[in-house]
């Protein structure tokens, strides 16, 4: 399912997110591309909810793997970015409780 692109663009603006492009090269195939890493004023956003000063294996990359910036992958990236900020906003027990409810698997009755 494709995200609402206007909503995603506004989210990027609201959070002060910038996209950092870095060239990438696959020596096996000779293919070149660009990683499109996500960062804000605090650093690069990582899938584990932590910031880093430089890109790591877990840094959120809008291009997927450096070669695939497409609509199929963007929906998942938007969700990753929203989860990143949700993890960073867990400051109270109430926030944590909502988070736990969101990640708890519900058994069929």
Protein backbone atom coordinates (compact mmCIF):
# COMPACT_ATOMS: atom_id res chain seq x y z
CA UNK A 1 0.00 0.00 0.00
CA UNK A 2 1.39 3.36 -1.01
CA UNK A 3 1.62 6.07 1.61
CA UNK A 4 -0.01 9.45 1.34
CA UNK A 5 2.95 11.24 -0.28
CA UNK A 6 1.78 14.68 0.81
CA UNK A 7 1.56 13.43 4.41
CA UNK A 8 5.02 11.86 4.12
CA UNK A 9 6.49 15.09 2.68
CA UNK A 10 4.94 17.16 5.46
CA UNK A 11 6.26 14.70 8.05
CA UNK A 12 9.77 15.10 6.59
CA UNK A 13 9.49 18.90 6.78
CA UNK A 14 8.05 18.90 10.32
CA UNK A 15 10.85 16.71 11.67
CA UNK A 16 13.61 18.67 9.91
CA UNK A 17 14.69 15.56 8.04
CA UNK A 18 17.26 15.83 5.28
CA UNK A 19 18.19 13.13 2.82
CA UNK A 20 21.91 12.49 2.41
CA UNK A 21 22.83 10.94 -0.93
CA UNK A 22 25.94 8.79 -1.17
CA UNK A 23 27.16 7.03 -4.26
CA UNK A 24 27.36 3.27 -4.03
CA UNK A 25 28.93 0.71 -6.34
CA UNK A 26 28.47 -3.04 -6.65
CA UNK A 27 31.83 -4.41 -7.83
CA UNK A 28 30.30 -7.77 -8.80
CA UNK A 29 27.81 -6.33 -11.30
CA UNK A 30 29.42 -2.95 -11.98
CA UNK A 31 26.12 -1.25 -11.08
CA UNK A 32 26.30 2.18 -9.48
CA UNK A 33 23.58 3.88 -7.51
CA UNK A 34 22.85 6.22 -4.62
CA UNK A 35 21.93 5.48 -1.04
CA UNK A 36 19.45 8.03 0.29
CA UNK A 37 20.09 8.09 4.03
CA UNK A 38 17.71 9.80 6.44
CA UNK A 39 18.99 12.21 9.10
CA UNK A 40 17.89 15.14 11.18
CA UNK A 41 19.78 17.64 13.34
CA UNK A 42 20.66 14.89 15.85
CA UNK A 43 22.21 12.47 13.36
CA UNK A 44 21.32 9.56 11.10
CA UNK A 45 18.14 7.67 11.95
CA UNK A 46 18.58 3.95 12.54
CA UNK A 47 15.99 1.17 12.46
CA UNK A 48 16.72 0.36 16.12
CA UNK A 49 15.50 3.81 17.21
CA UNK A 50 18.98 5.21 17.87
CA UNK A 51 20.89 8.06 16.25
CA UNK A 52 24.38 7.66 14.82
CA UNK A 53 26.96 10.20 13.68
CA UNK A 54 27.69 8.21 10.54
CA UNK A 55 25.78 5.68 8.48
CA UNK A 56 25.69 2.11 9.75
CA UNK A 57 24.14 -1.14 8.58
CA UNK A 58 20.86 -0.15 10.24
CA UNK A 59 20.61 3.42 8.95
CA UNK A 60 17.26 4.09 7.29
CA UNK A 61 17.83 4.29 3.53
CA UNK A 62 15.01 5.50 1.29
CA UNK A 63 16.65 3.82 -1.68
CA UNK A 64 16.32 0.38 -0.12
CA UNK A 65 19.77 -0.86 -1.02
CA UNK A 66 21.20 2.01 -3.02
CA UNK A 67 19.66 0.92 -6.28
CA UNK A 68 15.91 0.86 -5.72
CA UNK A 69 14.18 4.17 -5.01
CA UNK A 70 10.63 3.19 -5.90
CA UNK A 71 7.06 3.42 -4.67
CA UNK A 72 7.01 -0.20 -3.42
CA UNK A 73 9.77 0.45 -0.86
CA UNK A 74 8.72 3.94 0.26
CA UNK A 75 5.67 2.83 2.25
CA UNK A 76 7.85 0.67 4.47
CA UNK A 77 10.42 3.43 4.91
CA UNK A 78 7.74 5.89 6.02
CA UNK A 79 6.65 3.39 8.66
CA UNK A 80 10.29 2.90 9.79
CA UNK A 81 10.76 6.66 10.17
CA UNK A 82 7.50 7.05 12.12
CA UNK A 83 8.54 4.16 14.41
CA UNK A 84 11.94 5.80 14.94
CA UNK A 85 10.33 9.00 16.23
CA UNK A 86 7.78 7.07 18.27
CA UNK A 87 10.64 5.26 20.07
CA UNK A 88 12.39 8.57 20.74
CA UNK A 89 9.22 10.00 22.30
CA UNK A 90 8.87 7.24 24.92
CA UNK A 91 9.40 9.37 28.00
CA UNK A 92 6.48 8.46 30.25
CA UNK A 93 4.84 5.25 31.36
CA UNK A 94 1.76 6.21 29.35
CA UNK A 95 3.88 6.53 26.18
CA UNK A 96 5.44 3.17 26.91
CA UNK A 97 2.04 1.59 27.55
CA UNK A 98 0.76 2.76 24.15
CA UNK A 99 3.92 1.43 22.51
CA UNK A 100 3.49 -1.97 24.19
CA UNK A 101 -0.12 -2.16 23.00
CA UNK A 102 0.99 -1.41 19.44
CA UNK A 103 3.60 -4.18 19.39
CA UNK A 104 1.67 -6.81 21.33
CA UNK A 105 0.45 -9.71 19.20
CA UNK A 106 -3.24 -10.29 19.70
CA UNK A 107 -4.35 -13.93 19.88
CA UNK A 108 -7.49 -14.91 18.06
CA UNK A 109 -10.23 -15.84 20.48
